[in-house]
């Protein structure tokens, strides 16, 4: 098995920062889509509340997904950070809700 590694001193901090930026990117993209839907449907109350709920759910799940990132220490070189992995449950959440683009 081939693993991707990088010379990083604090692997867990890098993973938390990466997860935060992924959550920010997903939430920002979904918010732009929400603004577009509101403009197309002329601020309809039903459409705005429905897509607003979907935006909150997407943002919440992306933040929840960023907390499930974990990484370990490479057994061959402890100063290298291996490619991060996601928990099995969060992978299913991402596949169900992470396809907004």
N, C-alpha and C. Protein backbone atom coordinates (compact mmCIF):
# COMPACT_ATOMS: atom_id res chain seq x y z
N UNK A 1 0.84 -1.17 0.00
CA UNK A 1 0.00 0.00 0.00
C UNK A 1 0.89 1.24 0.00
N UNK A 2 0.58 2.18 -0.85
CA UNK A 2 1.34 3.42 -0.96
C UNK A 2 0.60 4.51 -0.20
N UNK A 3 1.31 5.22 0.66
CA UNK A 3 0.70 6.30 1.44
C UNK A 3 1.36 7.61 1.05
N UNK A 4 0.58 8.67 1.06
CA UNK A 4 1.08 10.00 0.75
C UNK A 4 1.46 10.66 2.07
N UNK A 5 2.69 11.17 2.15
CA UNK A 5 3.17 11.81 3.37
C UNK A 5 3.76 13.17 3.04
N UNK A 6 3.81 14.01 4.07
CA UNK A 6 4.39 15.35 3.92
C UNK A 6 5.20 15.68 5.17
N UNK A 7 6.30 16.42 5.02
CA UNK A 7 7.12 16.76 6.20
C UNK A 7 6.49 17.91 6.99
N UNK A 8 5.62 17.58 7.92
CA UNK A 8 4.93 18.57 8.76
C UNK A 8 5.19 18.21 10.21
N UNK A 9 5.51 19.22 11.01
CA UNK A 9 5.83 18.96 12.41
C UNK A 9 4.58 18.65 13.24
N UNK A 10 3.51 19.40 13.04
CA UNK A 10 2.29 19.22 13.83
C UNK A 10 1.16 18.78 12.90
N UNK A 11 1.03 17.49 12.75
CA UNK A 11 0.09 16.93 11.79
C UNK A 11 -1.37 17.22 12.16
N UNK A 12 -1.71 17.11 13.44
CA UNK A 12 -3.09 17.30 13.85
C UNK A 12 -3.56 18.73 13.65
N UNK A 13 -2.69 19.69 13.85
CA UNK A 13 -3.06 21.08 13.62
C UNK A 13 -3.32 21.32 12.14
N UNK A 14 -2.51 20.74 11.29
CA UNK A 14 -2.72 20.85 9.84
C UNK A 14 -4.05 20.24 9.43
N UNK A 15 -4.41 19.11 10.02
CA UNK A 15 -5.67 18.46 9.68
C UNK A 15 -6.85 19.30 10.14
N UNK A 16 -6.77 19.92 11.33
CA UNK A 16 -7.86 20.78 11.81
C UNK A 16 -8.01 22.02 10.94
N UNK A 17 -6.92 22.60 10.52
CA UNK A 17 -6.98 23.78 9.64
C UNK A 17 -7.56 23.40 8.29
N UNK A 18 -7.16 22.26 7.74
CA UNK A 18 -7.71 21.80 6.48
C UNK A 18 -9.21 21.56 6.59
N UNK A 19 -9.63 20.93 7.67
CA UNK A 19 -11.06 20.69 7.88
C UNK A 19 -11.85 21.97 8.02
N UNK A 20 -11.27 22.98 8.67
CA UNK A 20 -11.96 24.26 8.81
C UNK A 20 -12.12 24.95 7.47
N UNK A 21 -11.10 24.91 6.63
CA UNK A 21 -11.22 25.54 5.32
C UNK A 21 -12.17 24.78 4.39
N UNK A 22 -12.22 23.47 4.52
CA UNK A 22 -13.19 22.70 3.73
C UNK A 22 -14.61 23.05 4.14
N UNK A 23 -14.85 23.14 5.44
CA UNK A 23 -16.18 23.53 5.93
C UNK A 23 -16.54 24.94 5.48
N UNK A 24 -15.58 25.84 5.51
CA UNK A 24 -15.83 27.21 5.05
C UNK A 24 -16.13 27.25 3.56
N UNK A 25 -15.43 26.47 2.78
CA UNK A 25 -15.65 26.45 1.33
C UNK A 25 -17.02 25.88 0.98
N UNK A 26 -17.41 24.79 1.64
CA UNK A 26 -18.72 24.19 1.36
C UNK A 26 -19.84 25.12 1.78
N UNK A 27 -19.70 25.74 2.96
CA UNK A 27 -20.74 26.66 3.43
C UNK A 27 -20.84 27.89 2.54
N UNK A 28 -19.73 28.42 2.10
CA UNK A 28 -19.74 29.61 1.23
C UNK A 28 -20.36 29.30 -0.13
N UNK A 29 -20.03 28.16 -0.69
CA UNK A 29 -20.60 27.77 -1.97
C UNK A 29 -22.11 27.56 -1.86
N UNK A 30 -22.53 26.93 -0.79
CA UNK A 30 -23.96 26.71 -0.58
C UNK A 30 -24.69 28.02 -0.33
N UNK A 31 -24.04 28.96 0.36
CA UNK A 31 -24.66 30.26 0.60
C UNK A 31 -24.84 31.04 -0.69
N UNK A 32 -23.88 30.96 -1.59
CA UNK A 32 -24.03 31.61 -2.90
C UNK A 32 -25.19 30.99 -3.68
N UNK A 33 -25.33 29.68 -3.60
CA UNK A 33 -26.46 29.03 -4.26
C UNK A 33 -27.78 29.47 -3.64
N UNK A 34 -27.81 29.61 -2.32
CA UNK A 34 -29.02 30.07 -1.63
C UNK A 34 -29.39 31.48 -2.07
N UNK A 35 -28.41 32.36 -2.18
CA UNK A 35 -28.69 33.72 -2.66
C UNK A 35 -29.22 33.70 -4.08
N UNK A 36 -28.69 32.82 -4.90
CA UNK A 36 -29.15 32.73 -6.29
C UNK A 36 -30.60 32.25 -6.35
N UNK A 37 -30.94 31.26 -5.54
CA UNK A 37 -32.32 30.76 -5.52
C UNK A 37 -33.27 31.83 -5.02
N UNK A 38 -32.88 32.58 -4.00
CA UNK A 38 -33.73 33.68 -3.51
C UNK A 38 -33.96 34.73 -4.59
N UNK A 39 -32.95 35.02 -5.37
CA UNK A 39 -33.09 36.02 -6.43
C UNK A 39 -33.98 35.51 -7.56
N UNK A 40 -33.84 34.24 -7.91
CA UNK A 40 -34.64 33.68 -8.99
C UNK A 40 -36.11 33.60 -8.61
N UNK A 41 -36.40 33.21 -7.38
CA UNK A 41 -37.79 33.05 -6.95
C UNK A 41 -38.35 34.29 -6.25
N UNK A 42 -37.72 35.42 -6.41
CA UNK A 42 -38.21 36.73 -5.93
C UNK A 42 -38.56 36.72 -4.43
N UNK A 43 -37.67 36.17 -3.61
CA UNK A 43 -37.82 36.12 -2.16
C UNK A 43 -39.12 35.47 -1.70
N UNK A 44 -39.54 34.42 -2.39
CA UNK A 44 -40.72 33.67 -1.97
C UNK A 44 -40.48 33.08 -0.59
N UNK A 45 -41.45 33.21 0.28
CA UNK A 45 -41.29 32.79 1.67
C UNK A 45 -41.08 31.27 1.77
N UNK A 46 -41.83 30.50 1.03
CA UNK A 46 -41.73 29.03 1.10
C UNK A 46 -40.39 28.56 0.54
N UNK A 47 -40.02 29.08 -0.60
CA UNK A 47 -38.75 28.69 -1.23
C UNK A 47 -37.57 29.13 -0.38
N UNK A 48 -37.64 30.35 0.17
CA UNK A 48 -36.55 30.85 1.01
C UNK A 48 -36.39 30.01 2.27
N UNK A 49 -37.49 29.65 2.91
CA UNK A 49 -37.37 28.84 4.13
C UNK A 49 -36.89 27.43 3.82
N UNK A 50 -37.35 26.84 2.70
CA UNK A 50 -36.91 25.49 2.34
C UNK A 50 -35.41 25.45 2.03
N UNK A 51 -34.96 26.37 1.17
CA UNK A 51 -33.54 26.37 0.82
C UNK A 51 -32.68 26.92 1.95
N UNK A 52 -33.24 27.74 2.81
CA UNK A 52 -32.52 28.17 4.01
C UNK A 52 -32.27 27.00 4.95
N UNK A 53 -33.27 26.13 5.10
CA UNK A 53 -33.09 24.93 5.90
C UNK A 53 -32.03 24.02 5.28
N UNK A 54 -32.06 23.88 3.96
CA UNK A 54 -31.05 23.06 3.30
C UNK A 54 -29.65 23.64 3.47
N UNK A 55 -29.53 24.98 3.45
CA UNK A 55 -28.23 25.59 3.66
C UNK A 55 -27.72 25.34 5.08
N UNK A 56 -28.61 25.48 6.07
CA UNK A 56 -28.21 25.22 7.46
C UNK A 56 -27.78 23.76 7.63
N UNK A 57 -28.52 22.83 7.01
CA UNK A 57 -28.17 21.41 7.10
C UNK A 57 -26.83 21.13 6.43
N UNK A 58 -26.60 21.71 5.26
CA UNK A 58 -25.34 21.50 4.56
C UNK A 58 -24.17 22.08 5.34
N UNK A 59 -24.35 23.27 5.88
CA UNK A 59 -23.28 23.90 6.67
C UNK A 59 -23.00 23.11 7.93
N UNK A 60 -24.05 22.67 8.60
CA UNK A 60 -23.86 21.88 9.82
C UNK A 60 -23.17 20.56 9.57
N UNK A 61 -23.54 19.89 8.49
CA UNK A 61 -22.90 18.61 8.18
C UNK A 61 -21.45 18.79 7.73
N UNK A 62 -21.16 19.90 7.06
CA UNK A 62 -19.76 20.11 6.67
C UNK A 62 -18.90 20.43 7.88
N UNK A 63 -19.45 21.15 8.85
CA UNK A 63 -18.71 21.40 10.09
C UNK A 63 -18.54 20.11 10.88
N UNK A 64 -19.60 19.31 10.95
CA UNK A 64 -19.51 18.02 11.64
C UNK A 64 -18.49 17.11 10.97
N UNK A 65 -18.43 17.16 9.66
CA UNK A 65 -17.48 16.34 8.92
C UNK A 65 -16.04 16.77 9.20
N UNK A 66 -15.81 18.06 9.44
CA UNK A 66 -14.45 18.51 9.70
C UNK A 66 -13.93 18.03 11.04
N UNK A 67 -14.82 17.69 11.97
CA UNK A 67 -14.38 17.16 13.26
C UNK A 67 -14.05 15.67 13.20
N UNK A 68 -14.39 15.01 12.11
CA UNK A 68 -14.16 13.57 12.02
C UNK A 68 -12.88 13.23 11.28
N UNK A 69 -12.06 14.21 10.97
CA UNK A 69 -10.78 13.94 10.29
C UNK A 69 -9.77 13.46 11.32
N UNK A 70 -9.07 12.44 10.99
CA UNK A 70 -7.99 11.98 11.88
C UNK A 70 -6.80 11.57 11.03
N UNK A 71 -5.66 11.64 11.63
CA UNK A 71 -4.43 11.24 10.96
C UNK A 71 -3.50 10.61 11.97
N UNK A 72 -2.62 9.83 11.50
CA UNK A 72 -1.71 9.15 12.40
C UNK A 72 -0.28 9.53 12.11
N UNK A 73 0.62 8.83 12.77
CA UNK A 73 2.04 9.04 12.57
C UNK A 73 2.57 7.92 11.69
N UNK A 74 3.38 8.27 10.74
CA UNK A 74 3.95 7.27 9.85
C UNK A 74 4.91 6.38 10.65
N UNK A 75 4.80 5.07 10.52
CA UNK A 75 5.70 4.19 11.28
C UNK A 75 7.14 4.25 10.77
N UNK A 76 7.34 4.70 9.55
CA UNK A 76 8.68 4.74 8.98
C UNK A 76 9.41 6.03 9.30
N UNK A 77 8.67 7.12 9.42
CA UNK A 77 9.27 8.42 9.73
C UNK A 77 8.28 9.21 10.60
N UNK A 78 8.52 9.31 11.90
CA UNK A 78 7.54 9.96 12.78
C UNK A 78 7.37 11.46 12.53
N UNK A 79 8.27 12.10 11.79
CA UNK A 79 8.12 13.53 11.53
C UNK A 79 7.31 13.82 10.26
N UNK A 80 6.78 12.78 9.62
CA UNK A 80 5.97 12.95 8.42
C UNK A 80 4.50 12.78 8.74
N UNK A 81 3.67 13.54 8.07
CA UNK A 81 2.23 13.50 8.29
C UNK A 81 1.59 12.71 7.15
N UNK A 82 0.99 11.55 7.42
CA UNK A 82 0.36 10.79 6.34
C UNK A 82 -0.93 11.44 5.89
N UNK A 83 -1.39 11.00 4.75
CA UNK A 83 -2.65 11.51 4.21
C UNK A 83 -3.77 11.23 5.20
N UNK A 84 -4.63 12.23 5.40
CA UNK A 84 -5.66 12.08 6.42
C UNK A 84 -6.76 11.15 5.95
N UNK A 85 -7.50 10.63 6.90
CA UNK A 85 -8.62 9.74 6.62
C UNK A 85 -9.85 10.29 7.32
N UNK A 86 -11.00 9.85 6.87
CA UNK A 86 -12.26 10.23 7.49
C UNK A 86 -12.85 9.01 8.16
N UNK A 87 -13.64 9.25 9.18
CA UNK A 87 -14.36 8.16 9.81
C UNK A 87 -15.38 7.59 8.83
N UNK A 88 -15.69 6.34 8.98
CA UNK A 88 -16.57 5.67 8.03
C UNK A 88 -17.95 6.32 7.97
N UNK A 89 -18.51 6.74 9.10
CA UNK A 89 -19.83 7.35 9.13
C UNK A 89 -19.84 8.69 8.42
N UNK A 90 -18.82 9.50 8.63
CA UNK A 90 -18.80 10.82 8.00
C UNK A 90 -18.63 10.72 6.49
N UNK A 91 -18.02 9.66 6.01
CA UNK A 91 -17.90 9.47 4.57
C UNK A 91 -19.27 9.28 3.94
N UNK A 92 -20.16 8.59 4.64
CA UNK A 92 -21.52 8.42 4.13
C UNK A 92 -22.29 9.73 4.14
N UNK A 93 -22.08 10.53 5.17
CA UNK A 93 -22.73 11.85 5.23
C UNK A 93 -22.24 12.70 4.08
N UNK A 94 -20.95 12.70 3.82
CA UNK A 94 -20.40 13.51 2.73
C UNK A 94 -20.95 13.06 1.38
N UNK A 95 -21.07 11.77 1.17
CA UNK A 95 -21.60 11.29 -0.10
C UNK A 95 -23.06 11.65 -0.27
N UNK A 96 -23.80 11.71 0.84
CA UNK A 96 -25.22 12.05 0.74
C UNK A 96 -25.43 13.54 0.55
N UNK A 97 -24.61 14.38 1.20
CA UNK A 97 -24.85 15.83 1.21
C UNK A 97 -23.72 16.65 0.65
N UNK A 98 -22.63 16.05 0.28
CA UNK A 98 -21.47 16.82 -0.17
C UNK A 98 -21.40 17.03 -1.66
N UNK A 99 -22.50 16.84 -2.35
CA UNK A 99 -22.49 16.96 -3.81
C UNK A 99 -23.29 18.18 -4.24
N UNK A 100 -23.01 19.34 -3.65
CA UNK A 100 -23.79 20.53 -3.95
C UNK A 100 -23.24 21.33 -5.12
N UNK A 101 -22.10 20.95 -5.65
CA UNK A 101 -21.54 21.72 -6.77
C UNK A 101 -21.77 21.04 -8.08
